[in-house]
Amino acid sequence: MSDDAVKAFLALLPKHAAELSITHNGHKAVYETVAQHMEDREDAWASADERQLAEASGDLWEVRWYPDTPVGFYCVAASTLEACLRHIAETKWD
């Protein structure tokens, strides 16, 4: 992978003062469906369409980051990493 590709990817990530994590199919490690895994995090979905796609395909990507301190985080979930990153770029975060 070229240095330019790495720089381009890093530029897509949200600014964060503490942790940033990207998870793919974390629900499978605990034998849950996408719906079960996201049951208490309805507000994390990039869109209703992404929720439907993730539940239908069984693919779940999550990007979680702490913008200022280790307290208080944002989380975006979608069926693809691209959809997560697109939603992050298009949303104004407080």
C-alpha atoms as a PDB file:
ATOM      1  CA  MET A   1       0.000   0.000   0.000  1.00  0.00           C
ATOM      2  CA  SER A   2       1.387   3.372  -0.949  1.00  0.00           C
ATOM      3  CA  ASP A   3       1.980   6.221   1.461  1.00  0.00           C
ATOM      4  CA  ASP A   4      -0.566   8.258  -0.502  1.00  0.00           C
ATOM      5  CA  ALA A   5      -3.214   5.572  -0.002  1.00  0.00           C
ATOM      6  CA  VAL A   6      -2.529   5.497   3.747  1.00  0.00           C
ATOM      7  CA  LYS A   7      -2.722   9.292   3.969  1.00  0.00           C
ATOM      8  CA  ALA A   8      -5.975   9.317   1.992  1.00  0.00           C
ATOM      9  CA  PHE A   9      -7.518   6.713   4.306  1.00  0.00           C
ATOM     10  CA  LEU A  10      -6.411   8.560   7.444  1.00  0.00           C
ATOM     11  CA  ALA A  11      -7.954  11.764   6.076  1.00  0.00           C
ATOM     12  CA  LEU A  12     -11.343   9.999   5.971  1.00  0.00           C
ATOM     13  CA  LEU A  13     -11.323   9.208   9.685  1.00  0.00           C
ATOM     14  CA  PRO A  14     -13.020  11.568  12.141  1.00  0.00           C
ATOM     15  CA  LYS A  15     -10.863  13.729  14.382  1.00  0.00           C
ATOM     16  CA  HIS A  16     -10.420  12.174  17.784  1.00  0.00           C
ATOM     17  CA  ALA A  17      -8.540  13.051  20.957  1.00  0.00           C
ATOM     18  CA  ALA A  18      -8.851   9.583  22.440  1.00  0.00           C
ATOM     19  CA  GLU A  19      -9.708   6.171  20.987  1.00  0.00           C
ATOM     20  CA  LEU A  20     -10.923   5.463  17.474  1.00  0.00           C
ATOM     21  CA  SER A  21     -11.942   1.919  16.554  1.00  0.00           C
ATOM     22  CA  ILE A  22     -13.306   0.232  13.461  1.00  0.00           C
ATOM     23  CA  THR A  23     -15.116  -3.066  13.952  1.00  0.00           C
ATOM     24  CA  HIS A  24     -16.355  -5.475  11.331  1.00  0.00           C
ATOM     25  CA  ASN A  25     -18.886  -8.144  12.312  1.00  0.00           C
ATOM     26  CA  GLY A  26     -18.333  -7.893  16.054  1.00  0.00           C
ATOM     27  CA  HIS A  27     -21.756  -9.457  16.509  1.00  0.00           C
ATOM     28  CA  LYS A  28     -20.493 -12.765  15.134  1.00  0.00           C
ATOM     29  CA  ALA A  29     -17.916 -13.088  17.924  1.00  0.00           C
ATOM     30  CA  VAL A  30     -20.741 -13.237  20.463  1.00  0.00           C
ATOM     31  CA  TYR A  31     -23.163 -15.314  18.371  1.00  0.00           C
ATOM     32  CA  GLU A  32     -25.688 -12.519  17.861  1.00  0.00           C
ATOM     33  CA  THR A  33     -27.556 -11.271  14.834  1.00  0.00           C
ATOM     34  CA  VAL A  34     -26.998  -7.713  13.640  1.00  0.00           C
ATOM     35  CA  ALA A  35     -30.378  -6.749  15.118  1.00  0.00           C
ATOM     36  CA  GLN A  36     -29.547  -8.266  18.515  1.00  0.00           C
ATOM     37  CA  HIS A  37     -26.128  -6.618  18.592  1.00  0.00           C
ATOM     38  CA  MET A  38     -27.497  -3.171  17.774  1.00  0.00           C
ATOM     39  CA  GLU A  39     -30.679  -3.432  19.880  1.00  0.00           C
ATOM     40  CA  ASP A  40     -29.685  -0.679  22.334  1.00  0.00           C
ATOM     41  CA  ARG A  41     -27.933   1.527  19.764  1.00  0.00           C
ATOM     42  CA  GLU A  42     -30.664   2.512  17.328  1.00  0.00           C
ATOM     43  CA  ASP A  43     -29.216   6.015  16.971  1.00  0.00           C
ATOM     44  CA  ALA A  44     -25.894   4.714  15.622  1.00  0.00           C
ATOM     45  CA  TRP A  45     -27.211   3.708  12.192  1.00  0.00           C
ATOM     46  CA  ALA A  46     -26.001   5.778   9.244  1.00  0.00           C
ATOM     47  CA  SER A  47     -29.534   5.441   7.811  1.00  0.00           C
ATOM     48  CA  ALA A  48     -32.598   3.212   7.890  1.00  0.00           C
ATOM     49  CA  ASP A  49     -31.516   1.775   4.545  1.00  0.00           C
ATOM     50  CA  GLU A  50     -28.098   0.867   5.956  1.00  0.00           C
ATOM     51  CA  ARG A  51     -29.773  -0.872   8.865  1.00  0.00           C
ATOM     52  CA  GLN A  52     -31.880  -2.956   6.491  1.00  0.00           C
ATOM     53  CA  LEU A  53     -28.850  -3.794   4.334  1.00  0.00           C
ATOM     54  CA  ALA A  54     -26.783  -4.826   7.364  1.00  0.00           C
ATOM     55  CA  GLU A  55     -29.553  -6.980   8.806  1.00  0.00           C
ATOM     56  CA  ALA A  56     -30.184  -8.650   5.433  1.00  0.00           C
ATOM     57  CA  SER A  57     -26.517  -9.301   4.631  1.00  0.00           C
ATOM     58  CA  GLY A  58     -25.258 -10.005   8.151  1.00  0.00           C
ATOM     59  CA  ASP A  59     -22.405  -7.540   7.558  1.00  0.00           C
ATOM     60  CA  LEU A  60     -21.972  -4.854  10.211  1.00  0.00           C
ATOM     61  CA  TRP A  61     -19.314  -2.163  10.267  1.00  0.00           C
ATOM     62  CA  GLU A  62     -18.975   0.199  13.221  1.00  0.00           C
ATOM     63  CA  VAL A  63     -16.758   3.253  13.616  1.00  0.00           C
ATOM     64  CA  ARG A  64     -16.525   4.584  17.185  1.00  0.00           C
ATOM     65  CA  TRP A  65     -14.504   7.584  18.274  1.00  0.00           C
ATOM     66  CA  TYR A  66     -14.004   9.855  21.260  1.00  0.00           C
ATOM     67  CA  PRO A  67     -13.727  13.374  19.814  1.00  0.00           C
ATOM     68  CA  ASP A  68     -12.457  15.297  22.840  1.00  0.00           C
ATOM     69  CA  THR A  69     -11.799  13.114  25.867  1.00  0.00           C
ATOM     70  CA  PRO A  70     -12.103   9.459  26.919  1.00  0.00           C
ATOM     71  CA  VAL A  71     -15.628  10.346  28.066  1.00  0.00           C
ATOM     72  CA  GLY A  72     -18.362  10.673  25.457  1.00  0.00           C
ATOM     73  CA  PHE A  73     -18.159   9.048  22.057  1.00  0.00           C
ATOM     74  CA  TYR A  74     -19.874   8.815  18.692  1.00  0.00           C
ATOM     75  CA  CYS A  75     -20.660   5.572  16.900  1.00  0.00           C
ATOM     76  CA  VAL A  76     -21.768   5.037  13.308  1.00  0.00           C
ATOM     77  CA  ALA A  77     -22.984   1.678  12.044  1.00  0.00           C
ATOM     78  CA  ALA A  78     -23.656   0.554   8.468  1.00  0.00           C
ATOM     79  CA  SER A  79     -23.442  -2.404   6.125  1.00  0.00           C
ATOM     80  CA  THR A  80     -20.122  -1.210   4.671  1.00  0.00           C
ATOM     81  CA  LEU A  81     -17.136   0.762   5.882  1.00  0.00           C
ATOM     82  CA  GLU A  82     -17.647   3.139   2.967  1.00  0.00           C
ATOM     83  CA  ALA A  83     -21.180   3.933   4.166  1.00  0.00           C
ATOM     84  CA  CYS A  84     -19.895   4.624   7.684  1.00  0.00           C
ATOM     85  CA  LEU A  85     -17.164   6.955   6.439  1.00  0.00           C
ATOM     86  CA  ARG A  86     -19.544   8.724   4.040  1.00  0.00           C
ATOM     87  CA  HIS A  87     -22.028   9.354   6.873  1.00  0.00           C
ATOM     88  CA  ILE A  88     -19.254  10.660   9.129  1.00  0.00           C
ATOM     89  CA  ALA A  89     -18.050  13.057   6.418  1.00  0.00           C
ATOM     90  CA  GLU A  90     -21.561  14.334   5.659  1.00  0.00           C
ATOM     91  CA  THR A  91     -22.695  14.850   9.262  1.00  0.00           C
ATOM     92  CA  LYS A  92     -21.978  17.825  11.479  1.00  0.00           C
ATOM     93  CA  TRP A  93     -20.723  16.466  14.807  1.00  0.00           C
ATOM     94  CA  ASP A  94     -21.117  18.640  17.917  1.00  0.00           C
END
